[in-house]
Amino acid sequence: MAIALVTGPTAGIGKAFAVALARAGFDLVLVARDETRLAELAGCLSLDFGVDAEVLVADVGDGPSLAKVEERLRRTDLPISVLVNNAGLGVKAPFAKSDIREEQQMLDVLVRSVMRTTHAAVPGMVERGFGVVINVSSIASWVTGGTYSAAKAWVTVFSESLAQELIGTGVRVTAVCPGYVHTEFHDRAGMDMSNIPDWMWLEAEQVVEQAMRDVSRNRPLSVAGAQYKALSLLLRYAPRPLVRFATATSRVSGRFGRR
């Protein structure tokens, strides 16, 4: 049975991916820091879908811990067919007032871990002639929202570039770019989201359903929800001065689209 590795699977989009993949018949490797929640999720997925769910306790923002994930991705006896880079992190404060250690940690989670896990997984996928890499980015990758937006812009462009590079190899790469999603993300980051209207919110399952469809169609970008499909087109093709102005004058500047 094919195996999928998911980072940050204990809640939100990551959990929705884990459930969807288990339902599709994939065995799982679940990667997160919280061993208790990982074990609970693994047990539920095994019971509900009859799949094997391996628990790998690791902090992808920590170099030595991330190395354990890379090692698992390189194994040839139990190869990984699907990699979902979902682990997330946000910083509430604007850059000039933030703790630089938190900014660095965010880059470690959002950029370094994605690069390293993808680099660990892709060579084996290419050799086997099949594989899927799903990198969870954000609609924020097209706005000017501080380090978070810059990191997600890297994820989006990296994924598009790699998808192009791997044409003809049997390996697919998709960047998933959600807008506001009901998850634990904002609460953990201490963000007040009460000013965001109901119509802008998505459920994690919507994002994952759209992502799975787009992966099956070999699309390098996946945007869920009619509102965000329209907004993503506007943001990508609008003059950059207009995007900068709109972001700067918006009350959600600096945290737009954080899941």
Protein backbone atom coordinates (compact mmCIF):
# COMPACT_ATOMS: atom_id res chain seq x y z
CA MET A 1 0.00 0.00 0.00
CA ALA A 2 1.28 3.49 -0.86
CA ILE A 3 2.41 5.72 2.00
CA ALA A 4 1.79 9.45 2.53
CA LEU A 5 3.74 11.62 4.98
CA VAL A 6 1.93 14.64 6.42
CA THR A 7 3.49 17.34 8.60
CA GLY A 8 1.28 19.19 11.07
CA PRO A 9 -1.61 16.69 10.86
CA THR A 10 -3.17 17.07 14.31
CA ALA A 11 -5.64 19.83 13.38
CA GLY A 12 -7.01 21.95 10.56
CA ILE A 13 -5.80 21.46 7.00
CA GLY A 14 -3.21 18.87 7.97
CA LYS A 15 -5.77 16.71 9.72
CA ALA A 16 -8.15 17.05 6.78
CA PHE A 17 -5.35 15.87 4.46
CA ALA A 18 -4.60 12.91 6.74
CA VAL A 19 -8.26 11.88 6.78
CA ALA A 20 -8.65 12.28 3.01
CA LEU A 21 -5.53 10.26 2.29
CA ALA A 22 -6.51 7.52 4.74
CA ARG A 23 -9.95 7.38 3.15
CA ALA A 24 -8.23 6.98 -0.23
CA GLY A 25 -6.34 3.98 1.13
CA PHE A 26 -2.92 5.44 1.90
CA ASP A 27 -0.93 4.32 4.89
CA LEU A 28 0.37 7.34 6.76
CA VAL A 29 3.39 8.80 8.48
CA LEU A 30 2.18 11.57 10.79
CA VAL A 31 4.74 14.21 11.80
CA ALA A 32 4.24 16.75 14.60
CA ARG A 33 5.57 17.76 18.02
CA ASP A 34 2.64 16.59 20.14
CA GLU A 35 3.05 12.84 20.63
CA THR A 36 -0.26 12.46 22.48
CA ARG A 37 -2.33 14.07 19.74
CA LEU A 38 -0.40 12.19 17.06
CA ALA A 39 -1.09 8.87 18.76
CA GLU A 40 -4.78 9.70 19.13
CA LEU A 41 -5.06 10.63 15.46
CA ALA A 42 -3.13 7.56 14.33
CA GLY A 43 -5.43 5.32 16.34
CA CYS A 44 -8.57 6.93 14.94
CA LEU A 45 -7.36 6.72 11.33
CA SER A 46 -6.36 3.08 11.72
CA LEU A 47 -9.69 2.21 13.30
CA ASP A 48 -11.84 4.19 10.86
CA PHE A 49 -10.07 3.34 7.60
CA GLY A 50 -8.02 0.21 8.28
CA VAL A 51 -4.71 1.84 7.37
CA ASP A 52 -1.35 1.77 9.10
CA ALA A 53 -0.49 5.11 10.70
CA GLU A 54 3.10 5.63 11.83
CA VAL A 55 3.83 8.36 14.39
CA LEU A 56 6.99 10.42 13.95
CA VAL A 57 7.47 12.98 16.73
CA ALA A 58 9.51 15.85 15.30
CA ASP A 59 9.68 19.64 15.21
CA VAL A 60 10.28 20.58 11.58
CA GLY A 61 11.55 23.97 12.71
CA ASP A 62 14.46 22.32 14.51
CA GLY A 63 17.39 21.13 12.40
CA PRO A 64 18.26 17.85 14.17
CA SER A 65 14.58 16.99 14.55
CA LEU A 66 13.92 17.76 10.89
CA ALA A 67 16.76 15.40 9.96
CA LYS A 68 14.66 12.51 11.32
CA VAL A 69 11.91 13.41 8.87
CA GLU A 70 14.40 13.62 6.00
CA GLU A 71 15.76 10.20 6.93
CA ARG A 72 12.26 8.72 6.84
CA LEU A 73 11.59 10.31 3.44
CA ARG A 74 14.74 8.75 1.99
CA ARG A 75 13.93 5.20 3.04
CA THR A 76 13.63 2.83 0.11
CA ASP A 77 12.10 -0.14 1.93
CA LEU A 78 8.92 1.78 2.83
CA PRO A 79 8.95 4.61 0.28
CA ILE A 80 6.86 7.75 0.58
CA SER A 81 4.59 8.33 -2.42
CA VAL A 82 2.88 11.51 -1.19
CA LEU A 83 4.48 14.31 0.83
CA VAL A 84 2.24 16.97 2.36
CA ASN A 85 4.17 19.92 3.79
CA ASN A 86 1.55 21.52 5.99
CA ALA A 87 3.27 22.53 9.24
CA GLY A 88 2.59 26.20 9.90
CA LEU A 89 3.62 29.05 12.16
CA GLY A 90 2.76 32.74 12.40
CA VAL A 91 3.99 35.84 14.20
CA LYS A 92 1.44 38.34 15.45
CA ALA A 93 3.63 41.45 15.75
CA PRO A 94 4.70 43.59 12.77
CA PHE A 95 8.30 43.03 11.72
CA ALA A 96 9.80 46.13 13.38
CA LYS A 97 8.29 45.12 16.72
CA SER A 98 8.66 41.36 16.53
CA ASP A 99 11.13 39.05 18.22
CA ILE A 100 13.75 38.16 15.62
CA ARG A 101 13.93 34.64 17.03
CA GLU A 102 10.25 34.19 16.23
CA GLU A 103 10.79 35.53 12.72
CA GLN A 104 13.65 33.08 12.20
CA GLN A 105 11.59 30.20 13.59
CA MET A 106 8.80 31.05 11.17
CA LEU A 107 11.22 30.91 8.24
CA ASP A 108 12.62 27.62 9.53
CA VAL A 109 9.14 26.08 9.57
CA LEU A 110 7.67 27.65 6.45
CA VAL A 111 10.71 27.68 4.15
CA ARG A 112 13.65 25.59 5.34
CA SER A 113 11.59 22.55 6.28
CA VAL A 114 9.69 22.61 2.98
CA MET A 115 12.91 22.81 0.98
CA ARG A 116 14.64 20.06 2.93
CA THR A 117 11.76 17.59 3.08
CA THR A 118 11.02 18.09 -0.61
CA HIS A 119 14.69 17.61 -1.48
CA ALA A 120 14.74 14.42 0.60
CA ALA A 121 11.61 13.01 -1.04
CA VAL A 122 11.82 13.95 -4.71
CA PRO A 123 14.88 11.97 -5.89
CA GLY A 124 13.32 8.69 -4.80
CA MET A 125 9.99 9.66 -6.35
CA VAL A 126 11.71 10.43 -9.66
CA GLU A 127 13.58 7.12 -9.56
CA ARG A 128 10.32 5.25 -8.96
CA GLY A 129 8.49 7.26 -11.63
CA PHE A 130 5.69 8.39 -9.32
CA GLY A 131 5.12 10.81 -6.50
CA VAL A 132 3.15 13.79 -5.26
CA VAL A 133 4.38 16.79 -3.30
CA ILE A 134 1.73 19.08 -1.82
CA ASN A 135 3.04 22.26 -0.25
CA VAL A 136 0.50 24.24 1.74
CA SER A 137 1.11 27.88 0.91
CA SER A 138 -1.41 30.73 1.25
CA ILE A 139 -3.33 33.41 -0.60
CA ALA A 140 -1.01 35.65 1.43
CA SER A 141 1.79 34.72 -0.96
CA TRP A 142 0.39 37.36 -3.34
CA VAL A 143 0.13 40.25 -0.86
CA THR A 144 2.68 42.27 1.09
CA GLY A 145 2.16 40.91 4.59
CA GLY A 146 5.60 40.81 6.17
CA THR A 147 7.77 37.76 6.66
CA TYR A 148 4.78 35.43 6.53
CA SER A 149 3.76 36.57 3.05
CA ALA A 150 7.37 36.50 1.90
CA ALA A 151 7.77 32.93 3.15
CA LYS A 152 4.56 31.80 1.48
CA ALA A 153 5.59 33.55 -1.75
CA TRP A 154 8.70 31.38 -1.67
CA VAL A 155 6.60 28.24 -1.18
CA THR A 156 4.32 29.13 -4.09
CA VAL A 157 7.10 30.00 -6.54
CA PHE A 158 9.24 27.05 -5.43
CA SER A 159 6.34 24.67 -6.00
CA GLU A 160 5.54 26.10 -9.43
CA SER A 161 9.20 25.94 -10.43
CA LEU A 162 9.61 22.36 -9.24
CA ALA A 163 6.40 21.28 -10.97
CA GLN A 164 7.83 22.60 -14.23
CA GLU A 165 11.22 20.99 -13.60
CA LEU A 166 9.65 17.58 -12.99
CA ILE A 167 7.43 17.44 -16.07
CA GLY A 168 7.73 13.99 -17.62
CA THR A 169 9.05 12.30 -14.47
CA GLY A 170 5.71 11.14 -13.08
CA VAL A 171 6.12 13.41 -10.03
CA ARG A 172 3.50 16.09 -9.43
CA VAL A 173 3.91 19.21 -7.31
CA THR A 174 1.05 21.45 -6.17
CA ALA A 175 1.02 24.57 -4.01
CA VAL A 176 -2.22 24.88 -2.04
CA CYS A 177 -3.09 28.55 -1.47
CA PRO A 178 -5.98 28.87 0.99
CA GLY A 179 -7.50 32.05 2.32
CA TYR A 180 -8.99 32.23 5.80
CA VAL A 181 -9.66 28.73 7.11
CA HIS A 182 -11.28 27.70 10.39
CA THR A 183 -8.30 26.10 12.17
CA GLU A 184 -6.29 26.53 15.38
CA PHE A 185 -3.74 28.70 13.54
CA HIS A 186 -5.05 32.11 14.52
CA ASP A 187 -5.70 31.20 18.15
CA ARG A 188 -2.18 29.81 18.55
CA ALA A 189 -0.71 33.00 17.09
CA GLY A 190 -2.90 35.19 19.34
CA MET A 191 -4.62 36.89 16.39
CA ASP A 192 -7.99 38.59 16.75
CA MET A 193 -9.97 37.59 13.67
CA SER A 194 -13.35 38.93 14.78
CA ASN A 195 -13.35 41.56 12.03
CA ILE A 196 -13.23 38.98 9.22
CA PRO A 197 -16.69 38.52 7.61
CA ASP A 198 -18.24 35.07 7.50
CA TRP A 199 -18.14 34.86 3.70
CA MET A 200 -14.33 34.93 3.73
CA TRP A 201 -13.97 31.77 5.82
CA LEU A 202 -13.44 28.28 4.45
CA GLU A 203 -13.49 24.87 6.10
CA ALA A 204 -10.34 22.77 5.99
CA GLU A 205 -12.20 20.00 4.18
CA GLN A 206 -13.06 22.40 1.33
CA VAL A 207 -9.40 23.27 0.89
CA VAL A 208 -8.33 19.63 0.84
CA GLU A 209 -11.09 18.50 -1.53
CA GLN A 210 -10.05 21.19 -4.00
CA ALA A 211 -6.38 20.31 -3.54
CA MET A 212 -6.98 16.63 -4.26
CA ARG A 213 -8.89 17.51 -7.43
CA ASP A 214 -6.13 19.83 -8.59
CA VAL A 215 -3.42 17.26 -7.87
CA SER A 216 -5.32 14.70 -9.94
CA ARG A 217 -5.38 17.24 -12.79
CA ASN A 218 -1.66 17.96 -12.35
CA ARG A 219 -2.24 21.63 -11.57
CA PRO A 220 0.65 23.45 -9.87
CA LEU A 221 -1.66 25.83 -7.97
CA SER A 222 -4.79 25.06 -5.97
CA VAL A 223 -7.13 27.75 -4.68
CA ALA A 224 -10.37 26.76 -2.94
CA GLY A 225 -13.54 28.85 -2.88
CA ALA A 226 -15.01 31.09 -5.58
CA GLN A 227 -14.15 34.18 -3.53
CA TYR A 228 -10.48 33.24 -3.36
CA LYS A 229 -10.26 32.10 -6.97
CA ALA A 230 -11.39 35.59 -7.97
CA LEU A 231 -9.16 37.29 -5.42
CA SER A 232 -6.09 35.29 -6.41
CA LEU A 233 -6.52 36.32 -10.04
CA LEU A 234 -6.88 39.95 -9.00
CA LEU A 235 -3.82 39.84 -6.77
CA ARG A 236 -1.65 38.09 -9.35
CA TYR A 237 -2.50 40.41 -12.22
CA ALA A 238 -3.11 43.74 -10.50
CA PRO A 239 -0.30 46.33 -10.59
CA ARG A 240 2.00 45.76 -7.61
CA PRO A 241 1.64 49.36 -6.33
CA LEU A 242 -2.11 48.72 -6.07
CA VAL A 243 -1.54 45.45 -4.19
CA ARG A 244 0.86 47.18 -1.79
CA PHE A 245 -1.60 50.00 -1.19
CA ALA A 246 -4.54 47.65 -0.63
CA THR A 247 -2.53 45.53 1.79
CA ALA A 248 -1.21 48.52 3.72
CA THR A 249 -4.65 50.09 4.12
CA SER A 250 -6.39 46.84 5.03
CA ARG A 251 -7.03 46.05 8.67
CA VAL A 252 -5.79 42.53 7.99
CA SER A 253 -2.45 43.69 6.62
CA GLY A 254 0.34 41.41 7.80
CA ARG A 255 -1.90 38.43 8.46
CA PHE A 256 -4.04 38.18 5.35
CA GLY A 257 -5.00 34.67 4.44
CA ARG A 258 -3.18 33.02 7.30
CA ARG A 259 -4.76 29.69 7.86
